[in-house]
C-alpha atoms as a PDB file:
ATOM      1  CA  UNK A   1      72.185  62.262  91.592  1.00  0.00           C
ATOM      2  CA  UNK A   2      71.312  59.613  89.154  1.00  0.00           C
ATOM      3  CA  UNK A   3      73.698  56.416  89.034  1.00  0.00           C
ATOM      4  CA  UNK A   4      72.986  57.175  84.779  1.00  0.00           C
ATOM      5  CA  UNK A   5      74.600  60.186  83.625  1.00  0.00           C
ATOM      6  CA  UNK A   6      71.963  62.805  83.272  1.00  0.00           C
ATOM      7  CA  UNK A   7      70.581  63.872  79.569  1.00  0.00           C
ATOM      8  CA  UNK A   8      69.625  67.248  78.333  1.00  0.00           C
ATOM      9  CA  UNK A   9      66.141  68.322  77.236  1.00  0.00           C
ATOM     10  CA  UNK A  10      66.375  71.533  75.212  1.00  0.00           C
ATOM     11  CA  UNK A  11      62.511  72.863  74.683  1.00  0.00           C
ATOM     12  CA  UNK A  12      60.712  75.980  72.974  1.00  0.00           C
ATOM     13  CA  UNK A  13      61.140  78.281  76.454  1.00  0.00           C
ATOM     14  CA  UNK A  14      58.075  80.405  75.624  1.00  0.00           C
ATOM     15  CA  UNK A  15      55.870  77.841  74.077  1.00  0.00           C
ATOM     16  CA  UNK A  16      52.766  77.088  76.917  1.00  0.00           C
ATOM     17  CA  UNK A  17      52.475  73.838  75.763  1.00  0.00           C
ATOM     18  CA  UNK A  18      56.154  73.013  76.015  1.00  0.00           C
ATOM     19  CA  UNK A  19      56.456  74.310  79.558  1.00  0.00           C
ATOM     20  CA  UNK A  20      53.403  71.828  80.914  1.00  0.00           C
ATOM     21  CA  UNK A  21      55.378  69.212  79.218  1.00  0.00           C
ATOM     22  CA  UNK A  22      58.444  69.703  80.895  1.00  0.00           C
ATOM     23  CA  UNK A  23      56.412  70.038  84.190  1.00  0.00           C
ATOM     24  CA  UNK A  24      54.668  66.963  83.753  1.00  0.00           C
ATOM     25  CA  UNK A  25      58.568  65.055  82.765  1.00  0.00           C
ATOM     26  CA  UNK A  26      59.992  67.228  86.143  1.00  0.00           C
ATOM     27  CA  UNK A  27      57.121  65.747  88.307  1.00  0.00           C
ATOM     28  CA  UNK A  28      58.027  62.081  86.936  1.00  0.00           C
ATOM     29  CA  UNK A  29      61.819  61.869  86.782  1.00  0.00           C
ATOM     30  CA  UNK A  30      62.000  61.277  90.716  1.00  0.00           C
ATOM     31  CA  UNK A  31      65.982  59.708  89.760  1.00  0.00           C
ATOM     32  CA  UNK A  32      66.611  63.373  88.016  1.00  0.00           C
ATOM     33  CA  UNK A  33      68.099  61.785  85.197  1.00  0.00           C
ATOM     34  CA  UNK A  34      66.861  65.087  82.945  1.00  0.00           C
ATOM     35  CA  UNK A  35      68.524  68.263  83.122  1.00  0.00           C
ATOM     36  CA  UNK A  36      66.205  71.322  80.985  1.00  0.00           C
ATOM     37  CA  UNK A  37      66.560  74.486  79.240  1.00  0.00           C
ATOM     38  CA  UNK A  38      65.294  76.341  76.599  1.00  0.00           C
ATOM     39  CA  UNK A  39      66.201  76.197  73.271  1.00  0.00           C
ATOM     40  CA  UNK A  40      66.460  79.653  73.118  1.00  0.00           C
ATOM     41  CA  UNK A  41      68.935  80.278  75.877  1.00  0.00           C
ATOM     42  CA  UNK A  42      72.201  80.891  75.091  1.00  0.00           C
ATOM     43  CA  UNK A  43      73.290  77.500  76.799  1.00  0.00           C
ATOM     44  CA  UNK A  44      71.016  75.613  74.506  1.00  0.00           C
ATOM     45  CA  UNK A  45      71.951  77.297  71.795  1.00  0.00           C
ATOM     46  CA  UNK A  46      75.444  76.677  72.154  1.00  0.00           C
ATOM     47  CA  UNK A  47      74.948  72.782  72.723  1.00  0.00           C
ATOM     48  CA  UNK A  48      72.692  72.938  69.393  1.00  0.00           C
ATOM     49  CA  UNK A  49      75.833  74.124  67.826  1.00  0.00           C
ATOM     50  CA  UNK A  50      77.910  71.775  69.005  1.00  0.00           C
ATOM     51  CA  UNK A  51      75.856  69.034  67.525  1.00  0.00           C
ATOM     52  CA  UNK A  52      75.827  70.860  64.177  1.00  0.00           C
ATOM     53  CA  UNK A  53      72.200  71.656  64.346  1.00  0.00           C
ATOM     54  CA  UNK A  54      71.503  75.077  63.816  1.00  0.00           C
ATOM     55  CA  UNK A  55      71.307  77.127  66.862  1.00  0.00           C
ATOM     56  CA  UNK A  56      67.941  78.882  66.368  1.00  0.00           C
ATOM     57  CA  UNK A  57      66.198  75.796  66.029  1.00  0.00           C
ATOM     58  CA  UNK A  58      62.627  75.789  67.979  1.00  0.00           C
ATOM     59  CA  UNK A  59      60.805  73.086  65.912  1.00  0.00           C
ATOM     60  CA  UNK A  60      61.107  70.416  68.177  1.00  0.00           C
ATOM     61  CA  UNK A  61      62.157  69.394  71.585  1.00  0.00           C
ATOM     62  CA  UNK A  62      65.753  68.189  71.378  1.00  0.00           C
ATOM     63  CA  UNK A  63      67.189  65.325  73.978  1.00  0.00           C
ATOM     64  CA  UNK A  64      70.783  65.175  73.876  1.00  0.00           C
ATOM     65  CA  UNK A  65      72.120  62.060  75.228  1.00  0.00           C
ATOM     66  CA  UNK A  66      75.035  59.746  74.849  1.00  0.00           C
ATOM     67  CA  UNK A  67      76.495  62.898  72.583  1.00  0.00           C
ATOM     68  CA  UNK A  68      73.604  62.140  70.617  1.00  0.00           C
ATOM     69  CA  UNK A  69      70.886  64.363  69.476  1.00  0.00           C
ATOM     70  CA  UNK A  70      67.593  63.311  68.879  1.00  0.00           C
ATOM     71  CA  UNK A  71      64.407  65.552  67.550  1.00  0.00           C
ATOM     72  CA  UNK A  72      60.718  65.404  67.018  1.00  0.00           C
ATOM     73  CA  UNK A  73      59.103  61.963  68.103  1.00  0.00           C
ATOM     74  CA  UNK A  74      62.387  60.243  68.018  1.00  0.00           C
ATOM     75  CA  UNK A  75      63.495  62.296  71.090  1.00  0.00           C
ATOM     76  CA  UNK A  76      59.612  61.921  72.957  1.00  0.00           C
ATOM     77  CA  UNK A  77      59.756  57.661  72.296  1.00  0.00           C
ATOM     78  CA  UNK A  78      63.343  57.967  73.619  1.00  0.00           C
ATOM     79  CA  UNK A  79      62.527  60.008  76.282  1.00  0.00           C
ATOM     80  CA  UNK A  80      59.661  57.783  77.309  1.00  0.00           C
ATOM     81  CA  UNK A  81      62.026  55.023  77.840  1.00  0.00           C
ATOM     82  CA  UNK A  82      63.402  56.770  80.976  1.00  0.00           C
ATOM     83  CA  UNK A  83      59.955  57.043  82.708  1.00  0.00           C
ATOM     84  CA  UNK A  84      58.410  54.993  85.236  1.00  0.00           C
ATOM     85  CA  UNK A  85      55.387  53.148  85.107  1.00  0.00           C
ATOM     86  CA  UNK A  86      53.663  52.137  81.256  1.00  0.00           C
ATOM     87  CA  UNK A  87      55.067  55.633  79.914  1.00  0.00           C
ATOM     88  CA  UNK A  88      58.290  52.828  77.970  1.00  0.00           C
ATOM     89  CA  UNK A  89      55.483  51.070  76.596  1.00  0.00           C
ATOM     90  CA  UNK A  90      55.593  54.181  74.051  1.00  0.00           C
ATOM     91  CA  UNK A  91      58.676  52.934  72.772  1.00  0.00           C
ATOM     92  CA  UNK A  92      56.476  50.160  70.392  1.00  0.00           C
ATOM     93  CA  UNK A  93      55.615  53.382  68.525  1.00  0.00           C
ATOM     94  CA  UNK A  94      59.331  52.897  66.776  1.00  0.00           C
ATOM     95  CA  UNK A  95      57.626  50.278  64.718  1.00  0.00           C
ATOM     96  CA  UNK A  96      55.623  52.691  62.800  1.00  0.00           C
ATOM     97  CA  UNK A  97      57.363  54.812  60.299  1.00  0.00           C
ATOM     98  CA  UNK A  98      59.586  57.855  61.034  1.00  0.00           C
ATOM     99  CA  UNK A  99      57.754  60.008  58.367  1.00  0.00           C
ATOM    100  CA  UNK A 100      54.099  59.183  59.877  1.00  0.00           C
ATOM    101  CA  UNK A 101      55.316  59.666  63.777  1.00  0.00           C
ATOM    102  CA  UNK A 102      57.542  62.994  63.373  1.00  0.00           C
ATOM    103  CA  UNK A 103      54.380  63.717  60.772  1.00  0.00           C
ATOM    104  CA  UNK A 104      51.726  63.711  63.816  1.00  0.00           C
ATOM    105  CA  UNK A 105      54.473  65.306  65.965  1.00  0.00           C
ATOM    106  CA  UNK A 106      55.138  68.477  63.412  1.00  0.00           C
ATOM    107  CA  UNK A 107      51.205  68.619  62.949  1.00  0.00           C
ATOM    108  CA  UNK A 108      50.988  69.511  67.112  1.00  0.00           C
ATOM    109  CA  UNK A 109      53.913  71.314  66.677  1.00  0.00           C
ATOM    110  CA  UNK A 110      52.651  73.981  63.846  1.00  0.00           C
ATOM    111  CA  UNK A 111      49.724  74.450  66.080  1.00  0.00           C
ATOM    112  CA  UNK A 112      50.948  74.162  69.805  1.00  0.00           C
ATOM    113  CA  UNK A 113      51.147  78.458  70.129  1.00  0.00           C
ATOM    114  CA  UNK A 114      47.392  78.748  68.811  1.00  0.00           C
ATOM    115  CA  UNK A 115      46.014  75.919  70.891  1.00  0.00           C
ATOM    116  CA  UNK A 116      48.265  76.441  73.959  1.00  0.00           C
ATOM    117  CA  UNK A 117      49.496  79.820  73.681  1.00  0.00           C
ATOM    118  CA  UNK A 118      53.148  81.004  74.364  1.00  0.00           C
ATOM    119  CA  UNK A 119      54.925  83.556  76.657  1.00  0.00           C
ATOM    120  CA  UNK A 120      56.084  86.685  76.121  1.00  0.00           C
ATOM    121  CA  UNK A 121      59.875  85.360  77.495  1.00  0.00           C
ATOM    122  CA  UNK A 122      61.081  81.599  78.330  1.00  0.00           C
ATOM    123  CA  UNK A 123      60.264  79.747  81.660  1.00  0.00           C
ATOM    124  CA  UNK A 124      62.448  81.265  84.817  1.00  0.00           C
ATOM    125  CA  UNK A 125      62.873  78.321  86.912  1.00  0.00           C
ATOM    126  CA  UNK A 126      61.585  78.634  90.688  1.00  0.00           C
ATOM    127  CA  UNK A 127      64.394  78.285  93.267  1.00  0.00           C
ATOM    128  CA  UNK A 128      63.167  74.721  93.816  1.00  0.00           C
ATOM    129  CA  UNK A 129      63.520  73.837  89.864  1.00  0.00           C
ATOM    130  CA  UNK A 130      67.101  75.419  89.517  1.00  0.00           C
ATOM    131  CA  UNK A 131      69.229  72.788  90.277  1.00  0.00           C
ATOM    132  CA  UNK A 132      67.041  70.877  87.121  1.00  0.00           C
ATOM    133  CA  UNK A 133      68.174  73.718  84.443  1.00  0.00           C
ATOM    134  CA  UNK A 134      71.244  74.900  82.800  1.00  0.00           C
END
Protein backbone atom coordinates (compact mmCIF):
# COMPACT_ATOMS: atom_id res chain seq x y z
CA UNK A 1 0.00 0.00 0.00
CA UNK A 2 1.43 3.41 -0.90
CA UNK A 3 2.18 6.08 1.70
CA UNK A 4 -0.25 8.51 0.06
CA UNK A 5 -3.97 7.82 -0.41
CA UNK A 6 -4.93 5.82 -3.45
CA UNK A 7 -6.48 7.64 -6.36
CA UNK A 8 -9.14 6.11 -8.59
CA UNK A 9 -8.95 6.25 -12.38
CA UNK A 10 -12.21 5.49 -14.15
CA UNK A 11 -11.92 4.72 -17.86
CA UNK A 12 -14.00 3.52 -20.79
CA UNK A 13 -13.78 -0.24 -20.24
CA UNK A 14 -14.56 -1.19 -23.85
CA UNK A 15 -12.12 1.24 -25.51
CA UNK A 16 -8.91 -0.41 -26.73
CA UNK A 17 -6.95 2.86 -26.46
CA UNK A 18 -8.21 3.40 -22.92
CA UNK A 19 -7.27 -0.15 -21.91
CA UNK A 20 -3.80 0.27 -23.42
CA UNK A 21 -3.44 3.51 -21.46
CA UNK A 22 -4.38 1.70 -18.22
CA UNK A 23 -1.78 -0.99 -18.99
CA UNK A 24 0.78 1.78 -19.53
CA UNK A 25 -0.10 3.37 -16.18
CA UNK A 26 -0.08 0.08 -14.26
CA UNK A 27 3.39 -0.74 -15.55
CA UNK A 28 4.70 2.63 -14.37
CA UNK A 29 2.78 2.91 -11.10
CA UNK A 30 5.04 0.69 -9.07
CA UNK A 31 3.91 2.27 -5.79
CA UNK A 32 0.31 1.25 -6.44
CA UNK A 33 -1.05 4.76 -6.03
CA UNK A 34 -3.80 4.21 -8.61
CA UNK A 35 -6.72 1.83 -8.63
CA UNK A 36 -8.78 1.45 -11.77
CA UNK A 37 -12.36 0.87 -12.74
CA UNK A 38 -14.53 0.96 -15.80
CA UNK A 39 -16.85 3.93 -16.12
CA UNK A 40 -19.53 1.41 -17.10
CA UNK A 41 -19.16 -0.68 -13.92
CA UNK A 42 -21.61 -0.39 -11.04
CA UNK A 43 -18.81 0.90 -8.80
CA UNK A 44 -17.73 3.46 -11.39
CA UNK A 45 -21.26 4.66 -11.98
CA UNK A 46 -21.85 5.00 -8.23
CA UNK A 47 -18.68 7.04 -7.86
CA UNK A 48 -19.76 9.33 -10.71
CA UNK A 49 -23.15 9.87 -9.04
CA UNK A 50 -21.45 10.63 -5.70
CA UNK A 51 -19.43 13.34 -7.45
CA UNK A 52 -22.51 14.80 -9.17
CA UNK A 53 -21.46 13.56 -12.60
CA UNK A 54 -23.92 11.75 -14.84
CA UNK A 55 -23.59 8.01 -14.29
CA UNK A 56 -23.48 7.15 -17.99
CA UNK A 57 -20.50 9.41 -18.64
CA UNK A 58 -17.92 7.74 -20.90
CA UNK A 59 -16.51 10.72 -22.79
CA UNK A 60 -13.40 11.13 -20.67
CA UNK A 61 -11.10 9.49 -18.22
CA UNK A 62 -12.01 10.49 -14.67
CA UNK A 63 -9.48 10.79 -11.88
CA UNK A 64 -10.90 10.84 -8.36
CA UNK A 65 -8.41 12.19 -5.90
CA UNK A 66 -8.96 13.76 -2.48
CA UNK A 67 -12.72 13.77 -3.05
CA UNK A 68 -12.44 15.72 -6.30
CA UNK A 69 -13.09 14.57 -9.86
CA UNK A 70 -10.72 15.55 -12.65
CA UNK A 71 -11.76 14.95 -16.26
CA UNK A 72 -10.30 15.23 -19.78
CA UNK A 73 -6.94 17.00 -20.02
CA UNK A 74 -7.02 17.99 -16.34
CA UNK A 75 -7.17 14.30 -15.39
CA UNK A 76 -4.26 13.41 -17.67
CA UNK A 77 -2.10 16.22 -16.29
CA UNK A 78 -3.01 15.38 -12.70
CA UNK A 79 -2.15 11.71 -13.28
CA UNK A 80 1.19 12.65 -14.83
CA UNK A 81 2.16 14.46 -11.61
CA UNK A 82 2.36 11.13 -9.81
CA UNK A 83 4.32 9.20 -12.43
CA UNK A 84 8.02 8.46 -12.35
CA UNK A 85 10.52 9.67 -14.89
CA UNK A 86 9.87 12.72 -17.04
CA UNK A 87 6.07 12.40 -17.07
CA UNK A 88 5.54 15.07 -14.35
CA UNK A 89 6.90 17.61 -16.84
CA UNK A 90 3.51 17.38 -18.58
CA UNK A 91 2.01 19.44 -15.78
CA UNK A 92 3.54 22.49 -17.47
CA UNK A 93 0.89 22.03 -20.16
CA UNK A 94 -1.47 23.68 -17.66
CA UNK A 95 -0.18 26.99 -18.97
CA UNK A 96 -2.14 26.27 -22.15
CA UNK A 97 -5.78 27.31 -22.06
CA UNK A 98 -8.04 24.52 -20.83
CA UNK A 99 -10.24 25.01 -23.88
CA UNK A 100 -7.28 24.21 -26.17
CA UNK A 101 -6.12 21.23 -24.08
CA UNK A 102 -9.63 19.81 -23.91
CA UNK A 103 -10.18 20.38 -27.64
CA UNK A 104 -7.18 18.14 -28.39
CA UNK A 105 -8.31 15.62 -25.77
CA UNK A 106 -11.87 15.57 -27.14
CA UNK A 107 -10.66 15.20 -30.73
CA UNK A 108 -8.74 12.05 -29.76
CA UNK A 109 -11.63 10.80 -27.61
CA UNK A 110 -14.09 11.30 -30.46
CA UNK A 111 -11.99 9.15 -32.80
CA UNK A 112 -10.73 6.53 -30.33
CA UNK A 113 -13.06 3.72 -31.45
CA UNK A 114 -12.38 4.37 -35.14
CA UNK A 115 -8.61 4.47 -34.69
CA UNK A 116 -8.11 1.81 -32.03
CA UNK A 117 -11.33 -0.21 -31.95
CA UNK A 118 -13.40 -1.38 -29.03
CA UNK A 119 -14.18 -4.57 -27.18
CA UNK A 120 -17.53 -6.30 -26.94
CA UNK A 121 -17.50 -5.97 -23.15
CA UNK A 122 -15.53 -4.25 -20.41
CA UNK A 123 -12.09 -5.44 -19.46
CA UNK A 124 -11.89 -8.20 -16.88
CA UNK A 125 -8.73 -7.88 -14.79
CA UNK A 126 -6.38 -10.84 -14.62
CA UNK A 127 -5.86 -12.46 -11.20
CA UNK A 128 -2.58 -10.51 -10.90
CA UNK A 129 -4.38 -7.23 -11.64
CA UNK A 130 -7.42 -7.75 -9.38
CA UNK A 131 -6.02 -5.83 -6.43
CA UNK A 132 -5.58 -2.79 -8.70
CA UNK A 133 -9.23 -2.72 -9.79
CA UNK A 134 -12.46 -1.71 -8.05
